[in-house]
Structure formats: structure tokens, C-alpha cells
Amino acid sequence: MRRLRGSGEGNLGCILWSVAFVVIALVCYKAIPIKINSAELYDFMIEQAKFGAASPETIKKAVVNKARELELPVTEKNLSVEKINDHIRLKTAFDVPLEFPGYTYVWHFDWEIDRPIFII
């Protein structure tokens, strides 16, 4: 004879899936904006390197201003811009803390861009 479930049985799976969904949603809520902003800054740095006819100080200020606009912790201290003949090299390293209840994850970014300069 088949046993019928009574009311209230089998809810543990639903509770566990709900908790997993909330954790995944919280991670996405915190991490996706940082990833989008960091990708936008990286693209900006590549653009500055490709078409960087300006002085290294001007490029550095432009990148720091863009990082400030995107709320990323890039400063003039952790950004270096060097022009070597027809190449430009940009280096930066910074950490972004992602704070979760009971845990802080430090997301480390370390970029080095070395490109030839194209003057149009």
C-alpha cells in the first residue's frame, strides 16, 4: 500500500533551495556591478594605451578620474604609465572588498597593458 505524505513533510529541500537561491542572489548583487565597472575601466585603459598621444601624466589623470567615476580604488600611487618609444605600458593593482554577512571577500585585480601607440 502506498504511503501518503502528511502536510508539512518534505519542506527541507524547499528551504535549502531557497537559502541557496538567496546566497547566489546576494553574491550576484555584490559582484556583478564590480565586474562591470572593472571591465569598463580595463577597456578605457586599453583605449588610452592605443590612442595615447598625450603625456603619461595626462593619461594617468584620465584613468584615475575614470576609476573614481566607476568607484574603483585606483589612485596615482597604484597606477604607473610609461611611454617607451612607440609603446605605452599601463600597470595597476588594486583590491575591492566584497562584504557579505559574516565574511569579506577581497577581489584582487592586477592589470598590465602593453600596446603600441597608434596615432591617427
PDB file of N, CA and C in Angstrom:
ATOM      1  N   MET A   1       0.835  -1.162   0.000  1.00  0.00           N
ATOM      2  CA  MET A   1       0.000   0.000   0.000  1.00  0.00           C
ATOM      3  C   MET A   1       0.894   1.245   0.000  1.00  0.00           C
ATOM      4  N   ARG A   2       0.509   2.233  -0.760  1.00  0.00           N
ATOM      5  CA  ARG A   2       1.289   3.469  -0.856  1.00  0.00           C
ATOM      6  C   ARG A   2       1.070   4.321   0.377  1.00  0.00           C
ATOM      7  N   ARG A   3       2.167   4.915   0.813  1.00  0.00           N
ATOM      8  CA  ARG A   3       2.083   5.793   1.967  1.00  0.00           C
ATOM      9  C   ARG A   3       1.900   7.220   1.466  1.00  0.00           C
ATOM     10  N   LEU A   4       0.952   7.900   1.943  1.00  0.00           N
ATOM     11  CA  LEU A   4       0.691   9.276   1.567  1.00  0.00           C
ATOM     12  C   LEU A   4       1.424  10.212   2.515  1.00  0.00           C
ATOM     13  N   ARG A   5       1.965  11.278   1.946  1.00  0.00           N
ATOM     14  CA  ARG A   5       2.648  12.280   2.766  1.00  0.00           C
ATOM     15  C   ARG A   5       1.635  13.109   3.531  1.00  0.00           C
ATOM     16  N   GLY A   6       1.992  13.367   4.741  1.00  0.00           N
ATOM     17  CA  GLY A   6       1.157  14.254   5.534  1.00  0.00           C
ATOM     18  C   GLY A   6       1.578  15.690   5.286  1.00  0.00           C
ATOM     19  N   SER A   7       0.801  16.610   5.716  1.00  0.00           N
ATOM     20  CA  SER A   7       1.152  18.013   5.496  1.00  0.00           C
ATOM     21  C   SER A   7       2.370  18.368   6.345  1.00  0.00           C
ATOM     22  N   GLY A   8       3.272  19.156   5.744  1.00  0.00           N
ATOM     23  CA  GLY A   8       4.464  19.595   6.449  1.00  0.00           C
ATOM     24  C   GLY A   8       5.680  18.733   6.201  1.00  0.00           C
ATOM     25  N   GLU A   9       5.532  17.596   5.589  1.00  0.00           N
ATOM     26  CA  GLU A   9       6.682  16.747   5.305  1.00  0.00           C
ATOM     27  C   GLU A   9       7.325  17.153   3.987  1.00  0.00           C
ATOM     28  N   GLY A  10       8.636  17.042   3.893  1.00  0.00           N
ATOM     29  CA  GLY A  10       9.335  17.301   2.646  1.00  0.00           C
ATOM     30  C   GLY A  10       9.664  18.756   2.394  1.00  0.00           C
ATOM     31  N   ASN A  11       9.613  19.591   3.402  1.00  0.00           N
ATOM     32  CA  ASN A  11       9.899  21.014   3.218  1.00  0.00           C
ATOM     33  C   ASN A  11      11.383  21.340   3.341  1.00  0.00           C
ATOM     34  N   LEU A  12      12.195  20.401   3.811  1.00  0.00           N
ATOM     35  CA  LEU A  12      13.619  20.677   3.994  1.00  0.00           C
ATOM     36  C   LEU A  12      14.288  21.002   2.671  1.00  0.00           C
ATOM     37  N   GLY A  13      13.963  20.287   1.615  1.00  0.00           N
ATOM     38  CA  GLY A  13      14.537  20.566   0.293  1.00  0.00           C
ATOM     39  C   GLY A  13      14.171  21.952  -0.203  1.00  0.00           C
ATOM     40  N   CYS A  14      12.955  22.341   0.012  1.00  0.00           N
ATOM     41  CA  CYS A  14      12.498  23.674  -0.401  1.00  0.00           C
ATOM     42  C   CYS A  14      13.246  24.758   0.367  1.00  0.00           C
ATOM     43  N   ILE A  15      13.453  24.538   1.651  1.00  0.00           N
ATOM     44  CA  ILE A  15      14.164  25.517   2.477  1.00  0.00           C
ATOM     45  C   ILE A  15      15.618  25.621   2.029  1.00  0.00           C
ATOM     46  N   LEU A  16      16.277  24.489   1.774  1.00  0.00           N
ATOM     47  CA  LEU A  16      17.668  24.502   1.342  1.00  0.00           C
ATOM     48  C   LEU A  16      17.827  25.183  -0.016  1.00  0.00           C
ATOM     49  N   TRP A  17      16.922  24.907  -0.950  1.00  0.00           N
ATOM     50  CA  TRP A  17      16.989  25.559  -2.262  1.00  0.00           C
ATOM     51  C   TRP A  17      16.724  27.054  -2.137  1.00  0.00           C
ATOM     52  N   SER A  18      15.843  27.443  -1.255  1.00  0.00           N
ATOM     53  CA  SER A  18      15.570  28.868  -1.045  1.00  0.00           C
ATOM     54  C   SER A  18      16.793  29.577  -0.468  1.00  0.00           C
ATOM     55  N   VAL A  19      17.469  28.944   0.490  1.00  0.00           N
ATOM     56  CA  VAL A  19      18.680  29.523   1.067  1.00  0.00           C
ATOM     57  C   VAL A  19      19.768  29.626  -0.007  1.00  0.00           C
ATOM     58  N   ALA A  20      19.922  28.585  -0.819  1.00  0.00           N
ATOM     59  CA  ALA A  20      20.924  28.620  -1.891  1.00  0.00           C
ATOM     60  C   ALA A  20      20.614  29.741  -2.878  1.00  0.00           C
ATOM     61  N   PHE A  21      19.366  29.912  -3.213  1.00  0.00           N
ATOM     62  CA  PHE A  21      18.965  30.976  -4.133  1.00  0.00           C
ATOM     63  C   PHE A  21      19.280  32.352  -3.554  1.00  0.00           C
ATOM     64  N   VAL A  22      19.006  32.554  -2.273  1.00  0.00           N
ATOM     65  CA  VAL A  22      19.282  33.844  -1.628  1.00  0.00           C
ATOM     66  C   VAL A  22      20.781  34.112  -1.612  1.00  0.00           C
ATOM     67  N   VAL A  23      21.595  33.101  -1.322  1.00  0.00           N
ATOM     68  CA  VAL A  23      23.051  33.278  -1.294  1.00  0.00           C
ATOM     69  C   VAL A  23      23.565  33.633  -2.692  1.00  0.00           C
ATOM     70  N   ILE A  24      23.108  32.927  -3.708  1.00  0.00           N
ATOM     71  CA  ILE A  24      23.531  33.205  -5.087  1.00  0.00           C
ATOM     72  C   ILE A  24      23.092  34.611  -5.512  1.00  0.00           C
ATOM     73  N   ALA A  25      21.876  34.991  -5.150  1.00  0.00           N
ATOM     74  CA  ALA A  25      21.384  36.325  -5.498  1.00  0.00           C
ATOM     75  C   ALA A  25      22.220  37.413  -4.809  1.00  0.00           C
ATOM     76  N   LEU A  26      22.623  37.185  -3.555  1.00  0.00           N
ATOM     77  CA  LEU A  26      23.438  38.164  -2.828  1.00  0.00           C
ATOM     78  C   LEU A  26      24.822  38.290  -3.457  1.00  0.00           C
ATOM     79  N   VAL A  27      25.431  37.174  -3.822  1.00  0.00           N
ATOM     80  CA  VAL A  27      26.745  37.212  -4.476  1.00  0.00           C
ATOM     81  C   VAL A  27      26.651  37.963  -5.804  1.00  0.00           C
ATOM     82  N   CYS A  28      25.628  37.671  -6.593  1.00  0.00           N
ATOM     83  CA  CYS A  28      25.449  38.370  -7.871  1.00  0.00           C
ATOM     84  C   CYS A  28      25.202  39.859  -7.658  1.00  0.00           C
ATOM     85  N   TYR A  29      24.410  40.193  -6.661  1.00  0.00           N
ATOM     86  CA  TYR A  29      24.098  41.595  -6.380  1.00  0.00           C
ATOM     87  C   TYR A  29      25.357  42.386  -6.028  1.00  0.00           C
ATOM     88  N   LYS A  30      26.286  41.761  -5.318  1.00  0.00           N
ATOM     89  CA  LYS A  30      27.515  42.441  -4.912  1.00  0.00           C
ATOM     90  C   LYS A  30      28.587  42.402  -6.000  1.00  0.00           C
ATOM     91  N   ALA A  31      28.731  41.276  -6.709  1.00  0.00           N
ATOM     92  CA  ALA A  31      29.867  41.062  -7.611  1.00  0.00           C
ATOM     93  C   ALA A  31      29.656  41.611  -9.016  1.00  0.00           C
ATOM     94  N   ILE A  32      28.453  41.539  -9.546  1.00  0.00           N
ATOM     95  CA  ILE A  32      28.220  41.942 -10.939  1.00  0.00           C
ATOM     96  C   ILE A  32      28.527  43.423 -11.175  1.00  0.00           C
ATOM     97  N   PRO A  33      28.102  44.364 -10.310  1.00  0.00           N
ATOM     98  CA  PRO A  33      28.474  45.767 -10.560  1.00  0.00           C
ATOM     99  C   PRO A  33      29.985  46.001 -10.533  1.00  0.00           C
ATOM    100  N   ILE A  34      30.701  45.311  -9.648  1.00  0.00           N
ATOM    101  CA  ILE A  34      32.156  45.450  -9.594  1.00  0.00           C
ATOM    102  C   ILE A  34      32.782  44.914 -10.876  1.00  0.00           C
ATOM    103  N   LYS A  35      32.300  43.787 -11.349  1.00  0.00           N
ATOM    104  CA  LYS A  35      32.842  43.203 -12.580  1.00  0.00           C
ATOM    105  C   LYS A  35      32.579  44.104 -13.783  1.00  0.00           C
ATOM    106  N   ILE A  36      31.396  44.667 -13.872  1.00  0.00           N
ATOM    107  CA  ILE A  36      31.066  45.560 -14.985  1.00  0.00           C
ATOM    108  C   ILE A  36      31.936  46.814 -14.936  1.00  0.00           C
ATOM    109  N   ASN A  37      32.081  47.413 -13.758  1.00  0.00           N
ATOM    110  CA  ASN A  37      32.898  48.620 -13.629  1.00  0.00           C
ATOM    111  C   ASN A  37      34.367  48.343 -13.905  1.00  0.00           C
ATOM    112  N   SER A  38      34.869  47.209 -13.442  1.00  0.00           N
ATOM    113  CA  SER A  38      36.277  46.893 -13.694  1.00  0.00           C
ATOM    114  C   SER A  38      36.514  46.616 -15.178  1.00  0.00           C
ATOM    115  N   ALA A  39      35.585  45.963 -15.836  1.00  0.00           N
ATOM    116  CA  ALA A  39      35.729  45.729 -17.280  1.00  0.00           C
ATOM    117  C   ALA A  39      35.693  47.047 -18.052  1.00  0.00           C
ATOM    118  N   GLU A  40      34.846  47.971 -17.619  1.00  0.00           N
ATOM    119  CA  GLU A  40      34.772  49.279 -18.274  1.00  0.00           C
ATOM    120  C   GLU A  40      36.080  50.054 -18.081  1.00  0.00           C
ATOM    121  N   LEU A  41      36.653  49.976 -16.883  1.00  0.00           N
ATOM    122  CA  LEU A  41      37.933  50.649 -16.639  1.00  0.00           C
ATOM    123  C   LEU A  41      39.049  50.006 -17.459  1.00  0.00           C
ATOM    124  N   TYR A  42      39.061  48.689 -17.547  1.00  0.00           N
ATOM    125  CA  TYR A  42      40.084  47.993 -18.333  1.00  0.00           C
ATOM    126  C   TYR A  42      39.986  48.396 -19.809  1.00  0.00           C
ATOM    127  N   ASP A  43      38.773  48.451 -20.344  1.00  0.00           N
ATOM    128  CA  ASP A  43      38.586  48.888 -21.730  1.00  0.00           C
ATOM    129  C   ASP A  43      39.049  50.338 -21.923  1.00  0.00           C
ATOM    130  N   PHE A  44      38.772  51.181 -20.949  1.00  0.00           N
ATOM    131  CA  PHE A  44      39.219  52.575 -21.013  1.00  0.00           C
ATOM    132  C   PHE A  44      40.740  52.648 -21.024  1.00  0.00           C
ATOM    133  N   MET A  45      41.387  51.823 -20.211  1.00  0.00           N
ATOM    134  CA  MET A  45      42.846  51.809 -20.172  1.00  0.00           C
ATOM    135  C   MET A  45      43.431  51.334 -21.506  1.00  0.00           C
ATOM    136  N   ILE A  46      42.812  50.331 -22.110  1.00  0.00           N
ATOM    137  CA  ILE A  46      43.275  49.856 -23.419  1.00  0.00           C
ATOM    138  C   ILE A  46      43.111  50.949 -24.467  1.00  0.00           C
ATOM    139  N   GLU A  47      41.984  51.651 -24.428  1.00  0.00           N
ATOM    140  CA  GLU A  47      41.748  52.750 -25.372  1.00  0.00           C
ATOM    141  C   GLU A  47      42.783  53.860 -25.189  1.00  0.00           C
ATOM    142  N   GLN A  48      43.092  54.186 -23.950  1.00  0.00           N
ATOM    143  CA  GLN A  48      44.102  55.206 -23.678  1.00  0.00           C
ATOM    144  C   GLN A  48      45.476  54.747 -24.165  1.00  0.00           C
ATOM    145  N   ALA A  49      45.748  53.457 -24.042  1.00  0.00           N
ATOM    146  CA  ALA A  49      47.044  52.933 -24.492  1.00  0.00           C
ATOM    147  C   ALA A  49      47.147  52.939 -26.009  1.00  0.00           C
ATOM    148  N   LYS A  50      46.072  52.596 -26.692  1.00  0.00           N
ATOM    149  CA  LYS A  50      46.108  52.546 -28.161  1.00  0.00           C
ATOM    150  C   LYS A  50      46.250  53.925 -28.785  1.00  0.00           C
ATOM    151  N   PHE A  51      45.485  54.862 -28.269  1.00  0.00           N
ATOM    152  CA  PHE A  51      45.443  56.189 -28.874  1.00  0.00           C
ATOM    153  C   PHE A  51      46.031  57.243 -27.943  1.00  0.00           C
ATOM    154  N   GLY A  52      47.001  56.838 -27.130  1.00  0.00           N
ATOM    155  CA  GLY A  52      47.561  57.719 -26.113  1.00  0.00           C
ATOM    156  C   GLY A  52      48.646  58.625 -26.635  1.00  0.00           C
ATOM    157  N   ALA A  53      48.271  59.643 -27.358  1.00  0.00           N
ATOM    158  CA  ALA A  53      49.250  60.619 -27.844  1.00  0.00           C
ATOM    159  C   ALA A  53      49.566  61.647 -26.769  1.00  0.00           C
ATOM    160  N   ALA A  54      48.829  61.627 -25.674  1.00  0.00           N
ATOM    161  CA  ALA A  54      49.043  62.587 -24.590  1.00  0.00           C
ATOM    162  C   ALA A  54      50.230  62.150 -23.735  1.00  0.00           C
ATOM    163  N   SER A  55      50.597  62.991 -22.814  1.00  0.00           N
ATOM    164  CA  SER A  55      51.710  62.671 -21.920  1.00  0.00           C
ATOM    165  C   SER A  55      51.278  61.603 -20.908  1.00  0.00           C
ATOM    166  N   PRO A  56      52.240  60.889 -20.325  1.00  0.00           N
ATOM    167  CA  PRO A  56      51.883  59.874 -19.323  1.00  0.00           C
ATOM    168  C   PRO A  56      51.108  60.446 -18.138  1.00  0.00           C
ATOM    169  N   GLU A  57      51.423  61.667 -17.730  1.00  0.00           N
ATOM    170  CA  GLU A  57      50.714  62.275 -16.606  1.00  0.00           C
ATOM    171  C   GLU A  57      49.248  62.531 -16.947  1.00  0.00           C
ATOM    172  N   THR A  58      48.993  62.960 -18.186  1.00  0.00           N
ATOM    173  CA  THR A  58      47.616  63.203 -18.624  1.00  0.00           C
ATOM    174  C   THR A  58      46.832  61.899 -18.687  1.00  0.00           C
ATOM    175  N   ILE A  59      47.462  60.851 -19.187  1.00  0.00           N
ATOM    176  CA  ILE A  59      46.805  59.540 -19.259  1.00  0.00           C
ATOM    177  C   ILE A  59      46.521  59.028 -17.853  1.00  0.00           C
ATOM    178  N   LYS A  60      47.484  59.197 -16.954  1.00  0.00           N
ATOM    179  CA  LYS A  60      47.309  58.742 -15.570  1.00  0.00           C
ATOM    180  C   LYS A  60      46.132  59.453 -14.921  1.00  0.00           C
ATOM    181  N   LYS A  61      46.037  60.771 -15.113  1.00  0.00           N
ATOM    182  CA  LYS A  61      44.926  61.525 -14.534  1.00  0.00           C
ATOM    183  C   LYS A  61      43.590  61.097 -15.122  1.00  0.00           C
ATOM    184  N   ALA A  62      43.566  60.818 -16.425  1.00  0.00           N
ATOM    185  CA  ALA A  62      42.326  60.375 -17.068  1.00  0.00           C
ATOM    186  C   ALA A  62      41.875  59.025 -16.515  1.00  0.00           C
ATOM    187  N   VAL A  63      42.817  58.106 -16.332  1.00  0.00           N
ATOM    188  CA  VAL A  63      42.468  56.775 -15.807  1.00  0.00           C
ATOM    189  C   VAL A  63      42.014  56.874 -14.356  1.00  0.00           C
ATOM    190  N   VAL A  64      42.690  57.674 -13.552  1.00  0.00           N
ATOM    191  CA  VAL A  64      42.298  57.834 -12.145  1.00  0.00           C
ATOM    192  C   VAL A  64      40.918  58.477 -12.055  1.00  0.00           C
ATOM    193  N   ASN A  65      40.643  59.466 -12.903  1.00  0.00           N
ATOM    194  CA  ASN A  65      39.310  60.092 -12.895  1.00  0.00           C
ATOM    195  C   ASN A  65      38.230  59.105 -13.313  1.00  0.00           C
ATOM    196  N   LYS A  66      38.522  58.279 -14.298  1.00  0.00           N
ATOM    197  CA  LYS A  66      37.553  57.264 -14.728  1.00  0.00           C
ATOM    198  C   LYS A  66      37.320  56.248 -13.611  1.00  0.00           C
ATOM    199  N   ALA A  67      38.381  55.850 -12.916  1.00  0.00           N
ATOM    200  CA  ALA A  67      38.240  54.908 -11.805  1.00  0.00           C
ATOM    201  C   ALA A  67      37.419  55.517 -10.679  1.00  0.00           C
ATOM    202  N   ARG A  68      37.644  56.785 -10.411  1.00  0.00           N
ATOM    203  CA  ARG A  68      36.861  57.470  -9.377  1.00  0.00           C
ATOM    204  C   ARG A  68      35.389  57.514  -9.775  1.00  0.00           C
ATOM    205  N   GLU A  69      35.132  57.774 -11.057  1.00  0.00           N
ATOM    206  CA  GLU A  69      33.751  57.799 -11.565  1.00  0.00           C
ATOM    207  C   GLU A  69      33.089  56.436 -11.416  1.00  0.00           C
ATOM    208  N   LEU A  70      33.865  55.361 -11.604  1.00  0.00           N
ATOM    209  CA  LEU A  70      33.341  53.999 -11.501  1.00  0.00           C
ATOM    210  C   LEU A  70      33.414  53.439 -10.084  1.00  0.00           C
ATOM    211  N   GLU A  71      33.892  54.260  -9.143  1.00  0.00           N
ATOM    212  CA  GLU A  71      34.006  53.882  -7.730  1.00  0.00           C
ATOM    213  C   GLU A  71      34.931  52.683  -7.532  1.00  0.00           C
ATOM    214  N   LEU A  72      36.082  52.705  -8.224  1.00  0.00           N
ATOM    215  CA  LEU A  72      37.111  51.689  -8.056  1.00  0.00           C
ATOM    216  C   LEU A  72      38.327  52.333  -7.403  1.00  0.00           C
ATOM    217  N   PRO A  73      39.033  51.617  -6.521  1.00  0.00           N
ATOM    218  CA  PRO A  73      40.126  52.219  -5.749  1.00  0.00           C
ATOM    219  C   PRO A  73      41.466  52.295  -6.485  1.00  0.00           C
ATOM    220  N   VAL A  74      41.477  52.903  -7.661  1.00  0.00           N
ATOM    221  CA  VAL A  74      42.723  53.128  -8.399  1.00  0.00           C
ATOM    222  C   VAL A  74      43.157  54.559  -8.115  1.00  0.00           C
ATOM    223  N   THR A  75      44.396  54.696  -7.641  1.00  0.00           N
ATOM    224  CA  THR A  75      44.949  56.012  -7.334  1.00  0.00           C
ATOM    225  C   THR A  75      46.221  56.207  -8.145  1.00  0.00           C
ATOM    226  N   GLU A  76      46.774  57.389  -8.064  1.00  0.00           N
ATOM    227  CA  GLU A  76      48.024  57.656  -8.781  1.00  0.00           C
ATOM    228  C   GLU A  76      49.179  56.849  -8.210  1.00  0.00           C
ATOM    229  N   LYS A  77      49.066  56.413  -6.962  1.00  0.00           N
ATOM    230  CA  LYS A  77      50.117  55.603  -6.343  1.00  0.00           C
ATOM    231  C   LYS A  77      50.164  54.185  -6.895  1.00  0.00           C
ATOM    232  N   ASN A  78      48.996  53.593  -7.175  1.00  0.00           N
ATOM    233  CA  ASN A  78      48.999  52.206  -7.653  1.00  0.00           C
ATOM    234  C   ASN A  78      48.779  52.094  -9.163  1.00  0.00           C
ATOM    235  N   LEU A  79      49.034  53.183  -9.883  1.00  0.00           N
ATOM    236  CA  LEU A  79      48.945  53.185 -11.340  1.00  0.00           C
ATOM    237  C   LEU A  79      50.239  53.759 -11.900  1.00  0.00           C
ATOM    238  N   SER A  80      50.829  53.037 -12.831  1.00  0.00           N
ATOM    239  CA  SER A  80      52.021  53.567 -13.487  1.00  0.00           C
ATOM    240  C   SER A  80      51.782  53.599 -14.992  1.00  0.00           C
ATOM    241  N   VAL A  81      52.239  54.674 -15.621  1.00  0.00           N
ATOM    242  CA  VAL A  81      52.115  54.853 -17.063  1.00  0.00           C
ATOM    243  C   VAL A  81      53.502  55.185 -17.596  1.00  0.00           C
ATOM    244  N   GLU A  82      53.983  54.375 -18.526  1.00  0.00           N
ATOM    245  CA  GLU A  82      55.308  54.590 -19.110  1.00  0.00           C
ATOM    246  C   GLU A  82      55.191  54.591 -20.625  1.00  0.00           C
ATOM    247  N   LYS A  83      55.835  55.559 -21.258  1.00  0.00           N
ATOM    248  CA  LYS A  83      55.951  55.570 -22.721  1.00  0.00           C
ATOM    249  C   LYS A  83      57.374  55.203 -23.071  1.00  0.00           C
ATOM    250  N   ILE A  84      57.510  54.149 -23.861  1.00  0.00           N
ATOM    251  CA  ILE A  84      58.819  53.693 -24.296  1.00  0.00           C
ATOM    252  C   ILE A  84      58.776  53.625 -25.816  1.00  0.00           C
ATOM    253  N   ASN A  85      59.422  54.588 -26.460  1.00  0.00           N
ATOM    254  CA  ASN A  85      59.417  54.723 -27.928  1.00  0.00           C
ATOM    255  C   ASN A  85      57.986  54.762 -28.440  1.00  0.00           C
ATOM    256  N   ASP A  86      57.560  53.756 -29.203  1.00  0.00           N
ATOM    257  CA  ASP A  86      56.204  53.756 -29.752  1.00  0.00           C
ATOM    258  C   ASP A  86      55.288  52.786 -29.000  1.00  0.00           C
ATOM    259  N   HIS A  87      55.654  52.430 -27.772  1.00  0.00           N
ATOM    260  CA  HIS A  87      54.832  51.577 -26.915  1.00  0.00           C
ATOM    261  C   HIS A  87      54.441  52.355 -25.667  1.00  0.00           C
ATOM    262  N   ILE A  88      53.327  51.952 -25.108  1.00  0.00           N
ATOM    263  CA  ILE A  88      52.896  52.522 -23.834  1.00  0.00           C
ATOM    264  C   ILE A  88      52.527  51.362 -22.920  1.00  0.00           C
ATOM    265  N   ARG A  89      52.898  51.478 -21.666  1.00  0.00           N
ATOM    266  CA  ARG A  89      52.637  50.430 -20.689  1.00  0.00           C
ATOM    267  C   ARG A  89      51.907  51.033 -19.500  1.00  0.00           C
ATOM    268  N   LEU A  90      50.759  50.442 -19.179  1.00  0.00           N
ATOM    269  CA  LEU A  90      49.982  50.839 -18.015  1.00  0.00           C
ATOM    270  C   LEU A  90      49.931  49.654 -17.062  1.00  0.00           C
ATOM    271  N   LYS A  91      50.209  49.889 -15.796  1.00  0.00           N
ATOM    272  CA  LYS A  91      50.159  48.848 -14.774  1.00  0.00           C
ATOM    273  C   LYS A  91      49.357  49.353 -13.591  1.00  0.00           C
ATOM    274  N   THR A  92      48.525  48.491 -13.062  1.00  0.00           N
ATOM    275  CA  THR A  92      47.804  48.816 -11.837  1.00  0.00           C
ATOM    276  C   THR A  92      47.451  47.529 -11.108  1.00  0.00           C
ATOM    277  N   ALA A  93      47.335  47.648  -9.817  1.00  0.00           N
ATOM    278  CA  ALA A  93      46.883  46.551  -8.967  1.00  0.00           C
ATOM    279  C   ALA A  93      46.056  47.165  -7.844  1.00  0.00           C
ATOM    280  N   PHE A  94      44.883  46.598  -7.612  1.00  0.00           N
ATOM    281  CA  PHE A  94      44.027  47.115  -6.549  1.00  0.00           C
ATOM    282  C   PHE A  94      43.115  46.011  -6.054  1.00  0.00           C
ATOM    283  N   ASP A  95      42.587  46.201  -4.863  1.00  0.00           N
ATOM    284  CA  ASP A  95      41.692  45.237  -4.228  1.00  0.00           C
ATOM    285  C   ASP A  95      40.344  45.883  -3.972  1.00  0.00           C
ATOM    286  N   VAL A  96      39.302  45.107  -4.204  1.00  0.00           N
ATOM    287  CA  VAL A  96      37.943  45.566  -3.917  1.00  0.00           C
ATOM    288  C   VAL A  96      37.338  44.584  -2.919  1.00  0.00           C
ATOM    289  N   PRO A  97      37.026  45.034  -1.698  1.00  0.00           N
ATOM    290  CA  PRO A  97      36.408  44.124  -0.725  1.00  0.00           C
ATOM    291  C   PRO A  97      34.911  43.967  -0.999  1.00  0.00           C
ATOM    292  N   LEU A  98      34.473  42.730  -1.012  1.00  0.00           N
ATOM    293  CA  LEU A  98      33.048  42.417  -1.129  1.00  0.00           C
ATOM    294  C   LEU A  98      32.589  41.917   0.239  1.00  0.00           C
ATOM    295  N   GLU A  99      31.743  42.667   0.887  1.00  0.00           N
ATOM    296  CA  GLU A  99      31.331  42.335   2.247  1.00  0.00           C
ATOM    297  C   GLU A  99      30.006  41.592   2.230  1.00  0.00           C
ATOM    298  N   PHE A 100      30.043  40.410   2.835  1.00  0.00           N
ATOM    299  CA  PHE A 100      28.863  39.578   2.997  1.00  0.00           C
ATOM    300  C   PHE A 100      28.622  39.408   4.493  1.00  0.00           C
ATOM    301  N   PRO A 101      27.440  39.016   4.883  1.00  0.00           N
ATOM    302  CA  PRO A 101      27.211  38.794   6.323  1.00  0.00           C
ATOM    303  C   PRO A 101      28.154  37.714   6.855  1.00  0.00           C
ATOM    304  N   GLY A 102      29.050  38.123   7.728  1.00  0.00           N
ATOM    305  CA  GLY A 102      29.965  37.184   8.354  1.00  0.00           C
ATOM    306  C   GLY A 102      31.230  36.889   7.560  1.00  0.00           C
ATOM    307  N   TYR A 103      31.395  37.468   6.380  1.00  0.00           N
ATOM    308  CA  TYR A 103      32.568  37.160   5.557  1.00  0.00           C
ATOM    309  C   TYR A 103      32.862  38.324   4.620  1.00  0.00           C
ATOM    310  N   THR A 104      34.144  38.622   4.451  1.00  0.00           N
ATOM    311  CA  THR A 104      34.570  39.643   3.493  1.00  0.00           C
ATOM    312  C   THR A 104      35.525  38.997   2.502  1.00  0.00           C
ATOM    313  N   TYR A 105      35.158  39.037   1.233  1.00  0.00           N
ATOM    314  CA  TYR A 105      35.999  38.514   0.169  1.00  0.00           C
ATOM    315  C   TYR A 105      36.725  39.683  -0.486  1.00  0.00           C
ATOM    316  N   VAL A 106      38.045  39.562  -0.623  1.00  0.00           N
ATOM    317  CA  VAL A 106      38.837  40.614  -1.247  1.00  0.00           C
ATOM    318  C   VAL A 106      39.127  40.189  -2.684  1.00  0.00           C
ATOM    319  N   TRP A 107      38.575  40.939  -3.629  1.00  0.00           N
ATOM    320  CA  TRP A 107      38.731  40.646  -5.053  1.00  0.00           C
ATOM    321  C   TRP A 107      39.936  41.433  -5.546  1.00  0.00           C
ATOM    322  N   HIS A 108      40.973  40.722  -5.975  1.00  0.00           N
ATOM    323  CA  HIS A 108      42.230  41.351  -6.386  1.00  0.00           C
ATOM    324  C   HIS A 108      42.273  41.502  -7.901  1.00  0.00           C
ATOM    325  N   PHE A 109      42.610  42.696  -8.357  1.00  0.00           N
ATOM    326  CA  PHE A 109      42.789  42.978  -9.780  1.00  0.00           C
ATOM    327  C   PHE A 109      44.244  43.373  -9.997  1.00  0.00           C
ATOM    328  N   ASP A 110      44.887  42.791 -10.992  1.00  0.00           N
ATOM    329  CA  ASP A 110      46.283  43.090 -11.312  1.00  0.00           C
ATOM    330  C   ASP A 110      46.391  43.127 -12.831  1.00  0.00           C
ATOM    331  N   TRP A 111      46.504  44.338 -13.375  1.00  0.00           N
ATOM    332  CA  TRP A 111      46.491  44.509 -14.832  1.00  0.00           C
ATOM    333  C   TRP A 111      47.796  45.099 -15.317  1.00  0.00           C
ATOM    334  N   GLU A 112      48.232  44.616 -16.469  1.00  0.00           N
ATOM    335  CA  GLU A 112      49.363  45.218 -17.171  1.00  0.00           C
ATOM    336  C   GLU A 112      49.002  45.263 -18.648  1.00  0.00           C
ATOM    337  N   ILE A 113      48.990  46.457 -19.190  1.00  0.00           N
ATOM    338  CA  ILE A 113      48.646  46.661 -20.594  1.00  0.00           C
ATOM    339  C   ILE A 113      49.879  47.217 -21.298  1.00  0.00           C
ATOM    340  N   ASP A 114      50.313  46.539 -22.335  1.00  0.00           N
ATOM    341  CA  ASP A 114      51.487  46.977 -23.116  1.00  0.00           C
ATOM    342  C   ASP A 114      51.062  46.967 -24.564  1.00  0.00           C
ATOM    343  N   ARG A 115      50.912  48.143 -25.158  1.00  0.00           N
ATOM    344  CA  ARG A 115      50.383  48.268 -26.515  1.00  0.00           C
ATOM    345  C   ARG A 115      51.219  49.246 -27.331  1.00  0.00           C
ATOM    346  N   PRO A 116      51.240  49.021 -28.630  1.00  0.00           N
ATOM    347  CA  PRO A 116      51.824  50.057 -29.491  1.00  0.00           C
ATOM    348  C   PRO A 116      50.866  51.237 -29.582  1.00  0.00           C
ATOM    349  N   ILE A 117      51.431  52.418 -29.787  1.00  0.00           N
ATOM    350  CA  ILE A 117      50.619  53.632 -29.896  1.00  0.00           C
ATOM    351  C   ILE A 117      50.263  53.847 -31.363  1.00  0.00           C
ATOM    352  N   PHE A 118      48.973  53.986 -31.633  1.00  0.00           N
ATOM    353  CA  PHE A 118      48.510  54.287 -32.990  1.00  0.00           C
ATOM    354  C   PHE A 118      48.073  55.733 -33.020  1.00  0.00           C
ATOM    355  N   ILE A 119      48.770  56.541 -33.778  1.00  0.00           N
ATOM    356  CA  ILE A 119      48.417  57.953 -33.890  1.00  0.00           C
ATOM    357  C   ILE A 119      47.690  58.154 -35.194  1.00  0.00           C
ATOM    358  N   ILE A 120      46.464  58.628 -35.113  1.00  0.00           N
ATOM    359  CA  ILE A 120      45.631  58.809 -36.306  1.00  0.00           C
ATOM    360  C   ILE A 120      45.626  60.266 -36.686  1.00  0.00           C
TER     361      ILE A 120
END
